[in-house]
Amino acid sequence: SQSKIIRISLLTPQLGEGLESIDQLKK
């Protein structure tokens, strides 16, 4: 999962912040 998210993050046009849990995601 770490390997995938590193490569996905590099190819994400606008990379946001890291969340401690998905509950922190806003509407």
mmCIF file of all heavy atoms, coordinates in Angstrom:
data_MODEL
# 
_entry.id   MODEL 
# 
loop_
_atom_site.group_PDB 
_atom_site.id 
_atom_site.type_symbol 
_atom_site.label_atom_id 
_atom_site.label_alt_id 
_atom_site.label_comp_id 
_atom_site.label_asym_id 
_atom_site.label_entity_id 
_atom_site.label_seq_id 
_atom_site.pdbx_PDB_ins_code 
_atom_site.Cartn_x 
_atom_site.Cartn_y 
_atom_site.Cartn_z 
_atom_site.occupancy 
_atom_site.B_iso_or_equiv 
_atom_site.pdbx_formal_charge 
_atom_site.auth_seq_id 
_atom_site.auth_comp_id 
_atom_site.auth_asym_id 
_atom_site.auth_atom_id 
_atom_site.pdbx_PDB_model_num 
ATOM 1   N N   . SER A 1 1  ? 0.830   -1.206 0.000   1.00 0.00 ? 1  SER A N   1 
ATOM 2   C CA  . SER A 1 1  ? 0.000   0.000  0.000   1.00 0.00 ? 1  SER A CA  1 
ATOM 3   C C   . SER A 1 1  ? 0.863   1.253  0.000   1.00 0.00 ? 1  SER A C   1 
ATOM 4   O O   . SER A 1 1  ? 0.518   2.264  -0.618  1.00 0.00 ? 1  SER A O   1 
ATOM 5   C CB  . SER A 1 1  ? -0.942  0.008  1.207   1.00 0.00 ? 1  SER A CB  1 
ATOM 6   O OG  . SER A 1 1  ? -0.235  -0.006 2.426   1.00 0.00 ? 1  SER A OG  1 
ATOM 7   N N   . GLN A 1 2  ? 2.011   1.195  0.671   1.00 0.00 ? 2  GLN A N   1 
ATOM 8   C CA  . GLN A 1 2  ? 2.916   2.345  0.682   1.00 0.00 ? 2  GLN A CA  1 
ATOM 9   C C   . GLN A 1 2  ? 3.512   2.573  -0.701  1.00 0.00 ? 2  GLN A C   1 
ATOM 10  O O   . GLN A 1 2  ? 3.596   3.703  -1.179  1.00 0.00 ? 2  GLN A O   1 
ATOM 11  C CB  . GLN A 1 2  ? 4.032   2.144  1.703   1.00 0.00 ? 2  GLN A CB  1 
ATOM 12  C CG  . GLN A 1 2  ? 4.944   3.355  1.844   1.00 0.00 ? 2  GLN A CG  1 
ATOM 13  C CD  . GLN A 1 2  ? 5.987   3.160  2.921   1.00 0.00 ? 2  GLN A CD  1 
ATOM 14  O OE1 . GLN A 1 2  ? 6.142   2.092  3.482   1.00 0.00 ? 2  GLN A OE1 1 
ATOM 15  N NE2 . GLN A 1 2  ? 6.741   4.204  3.212   1.00 0.00 ? 2  GLN A NE2 1 
ATOM 16  N N   . SER A 1 3  ? 3.907   1.490  -1.348  1.00 0.00 ? 3  SER A N   1 
ATOM 17  C CA  . SER A 1 3  ? 4.465   1.590  -2.700  1.00 0.00 ? 3  SER A CA  1 
ATOM 18  C C   . SER A 1 3  ? 3.463   2.213  -3.661  1.00 0.00 ? 3  SER A C   1 
ATOM 19  O O   . SER A 1 3  ? 3.807   3.112  -4.449  1.00 0.00 ? 3  SER A O   1 
ATOM 20  C CB  . SER A 1 3  ? 4.878   0.194  -3.189  1.00 0.00 ? 3  SER A CB  1 
ATOM 21  O OG  . SER A 1 3  ? 5.169   0.197  -4.558  1.00 0.00 ? 3  SER A OG  1 
ATOM 22  N N   . LYS A 1 4  ? 2.217   1.761  -3.591  1.00 0.00 ? 4  LYS A N   1 
ATOM 23  C CA  . LYS A 1 4  ? 1.192   2.280  -4.498  1.00 0.00 ? 4  LYS A CA  1 
ATOM 24  C C   . LYS A 1 4  ? 0.911   3.757  -4.237  1.00 0.00 ? 4  LYS A C   1 
ATOM 25  O O   . LYS A 1 4  ? 0.811   4.552  -5.170  1.00 0.00 ? 4  LYS A O   1 
ATOM 26  C CB  . LYS A 1 4  ? -0.095  1.467  -4.341  1.00 0.00 ? 4  LYS A CB  1 
ATOM 27  C CG  . LYS A 1 4  ? -0.051  0.080  -4.952  1.00 0.00 ? 4  LYS A CG  1 
ATOM 28  C CD  . LYS A 1 4  ? -0.169  0.114  -6.464  1.00 0.00 ? 4  LYS A CD  1 
ATOM 29  C CE  . LYS A 1 4  ? -0.103  -1.289 -7.051  1.00 0.00 ? 4  LYS A CE  1 
ATOM 30  N NZ  . LYS A 1 4  ? -1.284  -2.091 -6.748  1.00 0.00 ? 4  LYS A NZ  1 
ATOM 31  N N   . ILE A 1 5  ? 0.777   4.136  -2.967  1.00 0.00 ? 5  ILE A N   1 
ATOM 32  C CA  . ILE A 1 5  ? 0.389   5.526  -2.683  1.00 0.00 ? 5  ILE A CA  1 
ATOM 33  C C   . ILE A 1 5  ? 1.515   6.494  -3.024  1.00 0.00 ? 5  ILE A C   1 
ATOM 34  O O   . ILE A 1 5  ? 1.261   7.651  -3.391  1.00 0.00 ? 5  ILE A O   1 
ATOM 35  C CB  . ILE A 1 5  ? -0.060  5.702  -1.211  1.00 0.00 ? 5  ILE A CB  1 
ATOM 36  C CG1 . ILE A 1 5  ? -0.856  7.007  -1.053  1.00 0.00 ? 5  ILE A CG1 1 
ATOM 37  C CG2 . ILE A 1 5  ? 1.134   5.680  -0.263  1.00 0.00 ? 5  ILE A CG2 1 
ATOM 38  C CD1 . ILE A 1 5  ? -2.076  7.099  -1.929  1.00 0.00 ? 5  ILE A CD1 1 
ATOM 39  N N   . ILE A 1 6  ? 2.761   6.055  -2.941  1.00 0.00 ? 6  ILE A N   1 
ATOM 40  C CA  . ILE A 1 6  ? 3.872   6.919  -3.357  1.00 0.00 ? 6  ILE A CA  1 
ATOM 41  C C   . ILE A 1 6  ? 3.748   7.244  -4.843  1.00 0.00 ? 6  ILE A C   1 
ATOM 42  O O   . ILE A 1 6  ? 3.810   8.409  -5.263  1.00 0.00 ? 6  ILE A O   1 
ATOM 43  C CB  . ILE A 1 6  ? 5.228   6.251  -3.067  1.00 0.00 ? 6  ILE A CB  1 
ATOM 44  C CG1 . ILE A 1 6  ? 5.515   6.252  -1.558  1.00 0.00 ? 6  ILE A CG1 1 
ATOM 45  C CG2 . ILE A 1 6  ? 6.363   6.971  -3.806  1.00 0.00 ? 6  ILE A CG2 1 
ATOM 46  C CD1 . ILE A 1 6  ? 6.743   5.460  -1.161  1.00 0.00 ? 6  ILE A CD1 1 
ATOM 47  N N   . ARG A 1 7  ? 3.536   6.209  -5.650  1.00 0.00 ? 7  ARG A N   1 
ATOM 48  C CA  . ARG A 1 7  ? 3.448   6.421  -7.102  1.00 0.00 ? 7  ARG A CA  1 
ATOM 49  C C   . ARG A 1 7  ? 2.160   7.144  -7.491  1.00 0.00 ? 7  ARG A C   1 
ATOM 50  O O   . ARG A 1 7  ? 2.158   7.979  -8.398  1.00 0.00 ? 7  ARG A O   1 
ATOM 51  C CB  . ARG A 1 7  ? 3.570   5.073  -7.817  1.00 0.00 ? 7  ARG A CB  1 
ATOM 52  C CG  . ARG A 1 7  ? 4.975   4.491  -7.760  1.00 0.00 ? 7  ARG A CG  1 
ATOM 53  C CD  . ARG A 1 7  ? 5.052   3.104  -8.346  1.00 0.00 ? 7  ARG A CD  1 
ATOM 54  N NE  . ARG A 1 7  ? 4.426   2.127  -7.481  1.00 0.00 ? 7  ARG A NE  1 
ATOM 55  C CZ  . ARG A 1 7  ? 3.989   0.932  -7.892  1.00 0.00 ? 7  ARG A CZ  1 
ATOM 56  N NH1 . ARG A 1 7  ? 4.098   0.590  -9.158  1.00 0.00 ? 7  ARG A NH1 1 
ATOM 57  N NH2 . ARG A 1 7  ? 3.452   0.079  -7.029  1.00 0.00 ? 7  ARG A NH2 1 
ATOM 58  N N   . ILE A 1 8  ? 1.068   6.830  -6.806  1.00 0.00 ? 8  ILE A N   1 
ATOM 59  C CA  . ILE A 1 8  ? -0.196  7.517  -7.071  1.00 0.00 ? 8  ILE A CA  1 
ATOM 60  C C   . ILE A 1 8  ? -0.083  8.994  -6.718  1.00 0.00 ? 8  ILE A C   1 
ATOM 61  O O   . ILE A 1 8  ? -0.531  9.873  -7.473  1.00 0.00 ? 8  ILE A O   1 
ATOM 62  C CB  . ILE A 1 8  ? -1.342  6.849  -6.271  1.00 0.00 ? 8  ILE A CB  1 
ATOM 63  C CG1 . ILE A 1 8  ? -1.680  5.488  -6.876  1.00 0.00 ? 8  ILE A CG1 1 
ATOM 64  C CG2 . ILE A 1 8  ? -2.575  7.744  -6.244  1.00 0.00 ? 8  ILE A CG2 1 
ATOM 65  C CD1 . ILE A 1 8  ? -2.621  4.660  -6.021  1.00 0.00 ? 8  ILE A CD1 1 
ATOM 66  N N   . SER A 1 9  ? 0.531   9.292  -5.583  1.00 0.00 ? 9  SER A N   1 
ATOM 67  C CA  . SER A 1 9  ? 0.673   10.688 -5.141  1.00 0.00 ? 9  SER A CA  1 
ATOM 68  C C   . SER A 1 9  ? 1.498   11.498 -6.124  1.00 0.00 ? 9  SER A C   1 
ATOM 69  O O   . SER A 1 9  ? 1.200   12.659 -6.405  1.00 0.00 ? 9  SER A O   1 
ATOM 70  C CB  . SER A 1 9  ? 1.316   10.732 -3.752  1.00 0.00 ? 9  SER A CB  1 
ATOM 71  O OG  . SER A 1 9  ? 0.496   10.109 -2.785  1.00 0.00 ? 9  SER A OG  1 
ATOM 72  N N   . LEU A 1 10 ? 2.550   10.900 -6.653  1.00 0.00 ? 10 LEU A N   1 
ATOM 73  C CA  . LEU A 1 10 ? 3.399   11.607 -7.610  1.00 0.00 ? 10 LEU A CA  1 
ATOM 74  C C   . LEU A 1 10 ? 2.660   11.933 -8.904  1.00 0.00 ? 10 LEU A C   1 
ATOM 75  O O   . LEU A 1 10 ? 2.980   12.915 -9.581  1.00 0.00 ? 10 LEU A O   1 
ATOM 76  C CB  . LEU A 1 10 ? 4.640   10.771 -7.912  1.00 0.00 ? 10 LEU A CB  1 
ATOM 77  C CG  . LEU A 1 10 ? 5.711   10.759 -6.817  1.00 0.00 ? 10 LEU A CG  1 
ATOM 78  C CD1 . LEU A 1 10 ? 6.708   9.622  -7.038  1.00 0.00 ? 10 LEU A CD1 1 
ATOM 79  C CD2 . LEU A 1 10 ? 6.447   12.096 -6.764  1.00 0.00 ? 10 LEU A CD2 1 
ATOM 80  N N   . LEU A 1 11 ? 1.658   11.116 -9.242  1.00 0.00 ? 11 LEU A N   1 
ATOM 81  C CA  . LEU A 1 11 ? 0.908   11.317 -10.478 1.00 0.00 ? 11 LEU A CA  1 
ATOM 82  C C   . LEU A 1 11 ? -0.416  12.036 -10.250 1.00 0.00 ? 11 LEU A C   1 
ATOM 83  O O   . LEU A 1 11 ? -1.177  12.256 -11.196 1.00 0.00 ? 11 LEU A O   1 
ATOM 84  C CB  . LEU A 1 11 ? 0.652   9.961  -11.149 1.00 0.00 ? 11 LEU A CB  1 
ATOM 85  C CG  . LEU A 1 11 ? 1.910   9.253  -11.679 1.00 0.00 ? 11 LEU A CG  1 
ATOM 86  C CD1 . LEU A 1 11 ? 1.603   7.800  -12.016 1.00 0.00 ? 11 LEU A CD1 1 
ATOM 87  C CD2 . LEU A 1 11 ? 2.476   9.981  -12.884 1.00 0.00 ? 11 LEU A CD2 1 
ATOM 88  N N   . THR A 1 12 ? -0.718  12.394 -8.997  1.00 0.00 ? 12 THR A N   1 
ATOM 89  C CA  . THR A 1 12 ? -1.936  13.148 -8.683  1.00 0.00 ? 12 THR A CA  1 
ATOM 90  C C   . THR A 1 12 ? -1.724  14.623 -9.018  1.00 0.00 ? 12 THR A C   1 
ATOM 91  O O   . THR A 1 12 ? -0.778  15.235 -8.509  1.00 0.00 ? 12 THR A O   1 
ATOM 92  C CB  . THR A 1 12 ? -2.284  13.001 -7.192  1.00 0.00 ? 12 THR A CB  1 
ATOM 93  O OG1 . THR A 1 12 ? -2.528  11.613 -6.907  1.00 0.00 ? 12 THR A OG1 1 
ATOM 94  C CG2 . THR A 1 12 ? -3.513  13.815 -6.838  1.00 0.00 ? 12 THR A CG2 1 
ATOM 95  N N   . PRO A 1 13 ? -2.557  15.214 -9.867  1.00 0.00 ? 13 PRO A N   1 
ATOM 96  C CA  . PRO A 1 13 ? -2.328  16.615 -10.296 1.00 0.00 ? 13 PRO A CA  1 
ATOM 97  C C   . PRO A 1 13 ? -2.204  17.593 -9.138  1.00 0.00 ? 13 PRO A C   1 
ATOM 98  O O   . PRO A 1 13 ? -1.290  18.415 -9.104  1.00 0.00 ? 13 PRO A O   1 
ATOM 99  C CB  . PRO A 1 13 ? -3.559  16.916 -11.158 1.00 0.00 ? 13 PRO A CB  1 
ATOM 100 C CG  . PRO A 1 13 ? -4.008  15.580 -11.660 1.00 0.00 ? 13 PRO A CG  1 
ATOM 101 C CD  . PRO A 1 13 ? -3.698  14.613 -10.560 1.00 0.00 ? 13 PRO A CD  1 
ATOM 102 N N   . GLN A 1 14 ? -3.141  17.531 -8.191  1.00 0.00 ? 14 GLN A N   1 
ATOM 103 C CA  . GLN A 1 14 ? -3.091  18.392 -7.008  1.00 0.00 ? 14 GLN A CA  1 
ATOM 104 C C   . GLN A 1 14 ? -3.124  17.494 -5.767  1.00 0.00 ? 14 GLN A C   1 
ATOM 105 O O   . GLN A 1 14 ? -4.168  16.943 -5.426  1.00 0.00 ? 14 GLN A O   1 
ATOM 106 C CB  . GLN A 1 14 ? -4.261  19.374 -6.977  1.00 0.00 ? 14 GLN A CB  1 
ATOM 107 C CG  . GLN A 1 14 ? -4.250  20.394 -8.098  1.00 0.00 ? 14 GLN A CG  1 
ATOM 108 C CD  . GLN A 1 14 ? -5.310  21.461 -7.891  1.00 0.00 ? 14 GLN A CD  1 
ATOM 109 O OE1 . GLN A 1 14 ? -5.401  22.079 -6.830  1.00 0.00 ? 14 GLN A OE1 1 
ATOM 110 N NE2 . GLN A 1 14 ? -6.122  21.687 -8.916  1.00 0.00 ? 14 GLN A NE2 1 
ATOM 111 N N   . LEU A 1 15 ? -1.982  17.374 -5.128  1.00 0.00 ? 15 LEU A N   1 
ATOM 112 C CA  . LEU A 1 15 ? -1.886  16.498 -3.965  1.00 0.00 ? 15 LEU A CA  1 
ATOM 113 C C   . LEU A 1 15 ? -2.212  17.283 -2.701  1.00 0.00 ? 15 LEU A C   1 
ATOM 114 O O   . LEU A 1 15 ? -1.634  18.336 -2.435  1.00 0.00 ? 15 LEU A O   1 
ATOM 115 C CB  . LEU A 1 15 ? -0.472  15.924 -3.864  1.00 0.00 ? 15 LEU A CB  1 
ATOM 116 C CG  . LEU A 1 15 ? -0.223  14.919 -2.740  1.00 0.00 ? 15 LEU A CG  1 
ATOM 117 C CD1 . LEU A 1 15 ? -1.117  13.687 -2.914  1.00 0.00 ? 15 LEU A CD1 1 
ATOM 118 C CD2 . LEU A 1 15 ? 1.245   14.509 -2.715  1.00 0.00 ? 15 LEU A CD2 1 
ATOM 119 N N   . GLY A 1 16 ? -3.170  16.757 -1.928  1.00 0.00 ? 16 GLY A N   1 
ATOM 120 C CA  . GLY A 1 16 ? -3.578  17.420 -0.699  1.00 0.00 ? 16 GLY A CA  1 
ATOM 121 C C   . GLY A 1 16 ? -2.778  16.954 0.499   1.00 0.00 ? 16 GLY A C   1 
ATOM 122 O O   . GLY A 1 16 ? -1.644  16.493 0.369   1.00 0.00 ? 16 GLY A O   1 
ATOM 123 N N   . GLU A 1 17 ? -3.391  17.030 1.671   1.00 0.00 ? 17 GLU A N   1 
ATOM 124 C CA  . GLU A 1 17 ? -2.721  16.682 2.916   1.00 0.00 ? 17 GLU A CA  1 
ATOM 125 C C   . GLU A 1 17 ? -2.974  15.218 3.267   1.00 0.00 ? 17 GLU A C   1 
ATOM 126 O O   . GLU A 1 17 ? -3.848  14.557 2.706   1.00 0.00 ? 17 GLU A O   1 
ATOM 127 C CB  . GLU A 1 17 ? -3.238  17.575 4.051   1.00 0.00 ? 17 GLU A CB  1 
ATOM 128 C CG  . GLU A 1 17 ? -3.009  19.058 3.817   1.00 0.00 ? 17 GLU A CG  1 
ATOM 129 C CD  . GLU A 1 17 ? -1.545  19.421 3.728   1.00 0.00 ? 17 GLU A CD  1 
ATOM 130 O OE1 . GLU A 1 17 ? -0.745  18.816 4.479   1.00 0.00 ? 17 GLU A OE1 1 
ATOM 131 O OE2 . GLU A 1 17 ? -1.183  20.290 2.922   1.00 0.00 ? 17 GLU A OE2 1 
ATOM 132 N N   . GLY A 1 18 ? -2.219  14.740 4.232   1.00 0.00 ? 18 GLY A N   1 
ATOM 133 C CA  . GLY A 1 18 ? -2.437  13.404 4.758   1.00 0.00 ? 18 GLY A CA  1 
ATOM 134 C C   . GLY A 1 18 ? -3.442  13.454 5.898   1.00 0.00 ? 18 GLY A C   1 
ATOM 135 O O   . GLY A 1 18 ? -3.370  14.335 6.760   1.00 0.00 ? 18 GLY A O   1 
ATOM 136 N N   . LEU A 1 19 ? -4.402  12.526 5.912   1.00 0.00 ? 19 LEU A N   1 
ATOM 137 C CA  . LEU A 1 19 ? -5.428  12.461 6.949   1.00 0.00 ? 19 LEU A CA  1 
ATOM 138 C C   . LEU A 1 19 ? -5.129  11.301 7.891   1.00 0.00 ? 19 LEU A C   1 
ATOM 139 O O   . LEU A 1 19 ? -4.746  10.212 7.437   1.00 0.00 ? 19 LEU A O   1 
ATOM 140 C CB  . LEU A 1 19 ? -6.809  12.264 6.324   1.00 0.00 ? 19 LEU A CB  1 
ATOM 141 C CG  . LEU A 1 19 ? -7.238  13.262 5.236   1.00 0.00 ? 19 LEU A CG  1 
ATOM 142 C CD1 . LEU A 1 19 ? -8.583  12.840 4.660   1.00 0.00 ? 19 LEU A CD1 1 
ATOM 143 C CD2 . LEU A 1 19 ? -7.301  14.681 5.804   1.00 0.00 ? 19 LEU A CD2 1 
ATOM 144 N N   . GLU A 1 20 ? -5.300  11.512 9.178   1.00 0.00 ? 20 GLU A N   1 
ATOM 145 C CA  . GLU A 1 20 ? -5.096  10.435 10.140  1.00 0.00 ? 20 GLU A CA  1 
ATOM 146 C C   . GLU A 1 20 ? -6.171  9.361  9.968   1.00 0.00 ? 20 GLU A C   1 
ATOM 147 O O   . GLU A 1 20 ? -5.917  8.178  10.191  1.00 0.00 ? 20 GLU A O   1 
ATOM 148 C CB  . GLU A 1 20 ? -5.131  10.983 11.565  1.00 0.00 ? 20 GLU A CB  1 
ATOM 149 C CG  . GLU A 1 20 ? -3.992  11.935 11.894  1.00 0.00 ? 20 GLU A CG  1 
ATOM 150 C CD  . GLU A 1 20 ? -2.625  11.287 11.723  1.00 0.00 ? 20 GLU A CD  1 
ATOM 151 O OE1 . GLU A 1 20 ? -2.499  10.072 11.993  1.00 0.00 ? 20 GLU A OE1 1 
ATOM 152 O OE2 . GLU A 1 20 ? -1.681  12.001 11.308  1.00 0.00 ? 20 GLU A OE2 1 
ATOM 153 N N   . SER A 1 21 ? -7.374  9.766  9.575   1.00 0.00 ? 21 SER A N   1 
ATOM 154 C CA  . SER A 1 21 ? -8.447  8.821  9.269   1.00 0.00 ? 21 SER A CA  1 
ATOM 155 C C   . SER A 1 21 ? -9.376  9.477  8.261   1.00 0.00 ? 21 SER A C   1 
ATOM 156 O O   . SER A 1 21 ? -9.382  10.701 8.092   1.00 0.00 ? 21 SER A O   1 
ATOM 157 C CB  . SER A 1 21 ? -9.213  8.423  10.527  1.00 0.00 ? 21 SER A CB  1 
ATOM 158 O OG  . SER A 1 21 ? -10.040 9.490  10.958  1.00 0.00 ? 21 SER A OG  1 
ATOM 159 N N   . ILE A 1 22 ? -10.182 8.650  7.599   1.00 0.00 ? 22 ILE A N   1 
ATOM 160 C CA  . ILE A 1 22 ? -11.069 9.162  6.555   1.00 0.00 ? 22 ILE A CA  1 
ATOM 161 C C   . ILE A 1 22 ? -12.160 10.063 7.132   1.00 0.00 ? 22 ILE A C   1 
ATOM 162 O O   . ILE A 1 22 ? -12.775 10.867 6.412   1.00 0.00 ? 22 ILE A O   1 
ATOM 163 C CB  . ILE A 1 22 ? -11.686 7.988  5.759   1.00 0.00 ? 22 ILE A CB  1 
ATOM 164 C CG1 . ILE A 1 22 ? -12.188 8.485  4.396   1.00 0.00 ? 22 ILE A CG1 1 
ATOM 165 C CG2 . ILE A 1 22 ? -12.777 7.307  6.553   1.00 0.00 ? 22 ILE A CG2 1 
ATOM 166 C CD1 . ILE A 1 22 ? -11.101 9.023  3.511   1.00 0.00 ? 22 ILE A CD1 1 
ATOM 167 N N   . ASP A 1 23 ? -12.405 9.954  8.450   1.00 0.00 ? 23 ASP A N   1 
ATOM 168 C CA  . ASP A 1 23 ? -13.421 10.798 9.089   1.00 0.00 ? 23 ASP A CA  1 
ATOM 169 C C   . ASP A 1 23 ? -13.065 12.277 9.041   1.00 0.00 ? 23 ASP A C   1 
ATOM 170 O O   . ASP A 1 23 ? -13.949 13.134 9.216   1.00 0.00 ? 23 ASP A O   1 
ATOM 171 C CB  . ASP A 1 23 ? -13.607 10.373 10.557  1.00 0.00 ? 23 ASP A CB  1 
ATOM 172 C CG  . ASP A 1 23 ? -14.169 8.970  10.671  1.00 0.00 ? 23 ASP A CG  1 
ATOM 173 O OD1 . ASP A 1 23 ? -14.861 8.547  9.726   1.00 0.00 ? 23 ASP A OD1 1 
ATOM 174 O OD2 . ASP A 1 23 ? -13.890 8.289  11.677  1.00 0.00 ? 23 ASP A OD2 1 
ATOM 175 N N   . GLN A 1 24 ? -11.784 12.587 8.814   1.00 0.00 ? 24 GLN A N   1 
ATOM 176 C CA  . GLN A 1 24 ? -11.349 13.992 8.760   1.00 0.00 ? 24 GLN A CA  1 
ATOM 177 C C   . GLN A 1 24 ? -11.688 14.653 7.426   1.00 0.00 ? 24 GLN A C   1 
ATOM 178 O O   . GLN A 1 24 ? -11.564 15.868 7.293   1.00 0.00 ? 24 GLN A O   1 
ATOM 179 C CB  . GLN A 1 24 ? -9.849  14.088 9.008   1.00 0.00 ? 24 GLN A CB  1 
ATOM 180 C CG  . GLN A 1 24 ? -9.423  13.695 10.415  1.00 0.00 ? 24 GLN A CG  1 
ATOM 181 C CD  . GLN A 1 24 ? -7.917  13.803 10.597  1.00 0.00 ? 24 GLN A CD  1 
ATOM 182 O OE1 . GLN A 1 24 ? -7.133  13.323 9.777   1.00 0.00 ? 24 GLN A OE1 1 
ATOM 183 N NE2 . GLN A 1 24 ? -7.501  14.449 11.670  1.00 0.00 ? 24 GLN A NE2 1 
ATOM 184 N N   . LEU A 1 25 ? -12.110 13.873 6.445   1.00 0.00 ? 25 LEU A N   1 
ATOM 185 C CA  . LEU A 1 25 ? -12.432 14.428 5.131   1.00 0.00 ? 25 LEU A CA  1 
ATOM 186 C C   . LEU A 1 25 ? -13.686 15.289 5.218   1.00 0.00 ? 25 LEU A C   1 
ATOM 187 O O   . LEU A 1 25 ? -14.686 14.910 5.818   1.00 0.00 ? 25 LEU A O   1 
ATOM 188 C CB  . LEU A 1 25 ? -12.642 13.295 4.122   1.00 0.00 ? 25 LEU A CB  1 
ATOM 189 C CG  . LEU A 1 25 ? -12.634 13.684 2.643   1.00 0.00 ? 25 LEU A CG  1 
ATOM 190 C CD1 . LEU A 1 25 ? -11.279 14.220 2.226   1.00 0.00 ? 25 LEU A CD1 1 
ATOM 191 C CD2 . LEU A 1 25 ? -13.012 12.473 1.788   1.00 0.00 ? 25 LEU A CD2 1 
ATOM 192 N N   . LYS A 1 26 ? -13.644 16.458 4.616   1.00 0.00 ? 26 LYS A N   1 
ATOM 193 C CA  . LYS A 1 26 ? -14.764 17.391 4.650   1.00 0.00 ? 26 LYS A CA  1 
ATOM 194 C C   . LYS A 1 26 ? -15.677 17.200 3.433   1.00 0.00 ? 26 LYS A C   1 
ATOM 195 O O   . LYS A 1 26 ? -15.296 16.561 2.452   1.00 0.00 ? 26 LYS A O   1 
ATOM 196 C CB  . LYS A 1 26 ? -14.256 18.834 4.711   1.00 0.00 ? 26 LYS A CB  1 
ATOM 197 C CG  . LYS A 1 26 ? -13.440 19.133 5.964   1.00 0.00 ? 26 LYS A CG  1 
ATOM 198 C CD  . LYS A 1 26 ? -12.874 20.541 5.926   1.00 0.00 ? 26 LYS A CD  1 
ATOM 199 C CE  . LYS A 1 26 ? -12.008 20.814 7.167   1.00 0.00 ? 26 LYS A CE  1 
ATOM 200 N NZ  . LYS A 1 26 ? -11.399 22.167 7.121   1.00 0.00 ? 26 LYS A NZ  1 
ATOM 201 N N   . LYS A 1 27 ? -16.861 17.797 3.520   1.00 0.00 ? 27 LYS A N   1 
ATOM 202 C CA  . LYS A 1 27 ? -17.847 17.645 2.465   1.00 0.00 ? 27 LYS A CA  1 
ATOM 203 C C   . LYS A 1 27 ? -17.314 18.145 1.122   1.00 0.00 ? 27 LYS A C   1 
ATOM 204 O O   . LYS A 1 27 ? -16.647 19.173 1.045   1.00 0.00 ? 27 LYS A O   1 
ATOM 205 C CB  . LYS A 1 27 ? -19.127 18.422 2.831   1.00 0.00 ? 27 LYS A CB  1 
ATOM 206 C CG  . LYS A 1 27 ? -20.283 18.181 1.861   1.00 0.00 ? 27 LYS A CG  1 
ATOM 207 C CD  . LYS A 1 27 ? -21.532 18.918 2.313   1.00 0.00 ? 27 LYS A CD  1 
ATOM 208 C CE  . LYS A 1 27 ? -22.669 18.656 1.320   1.00 0.00 ? 27 LYS A CE  1 
ATOM 209 N NZ  . LYS A 1 27 ? -23.915 19.334 1.720   1.00 0.00 ? 27 LYS A NZ  1 
# 
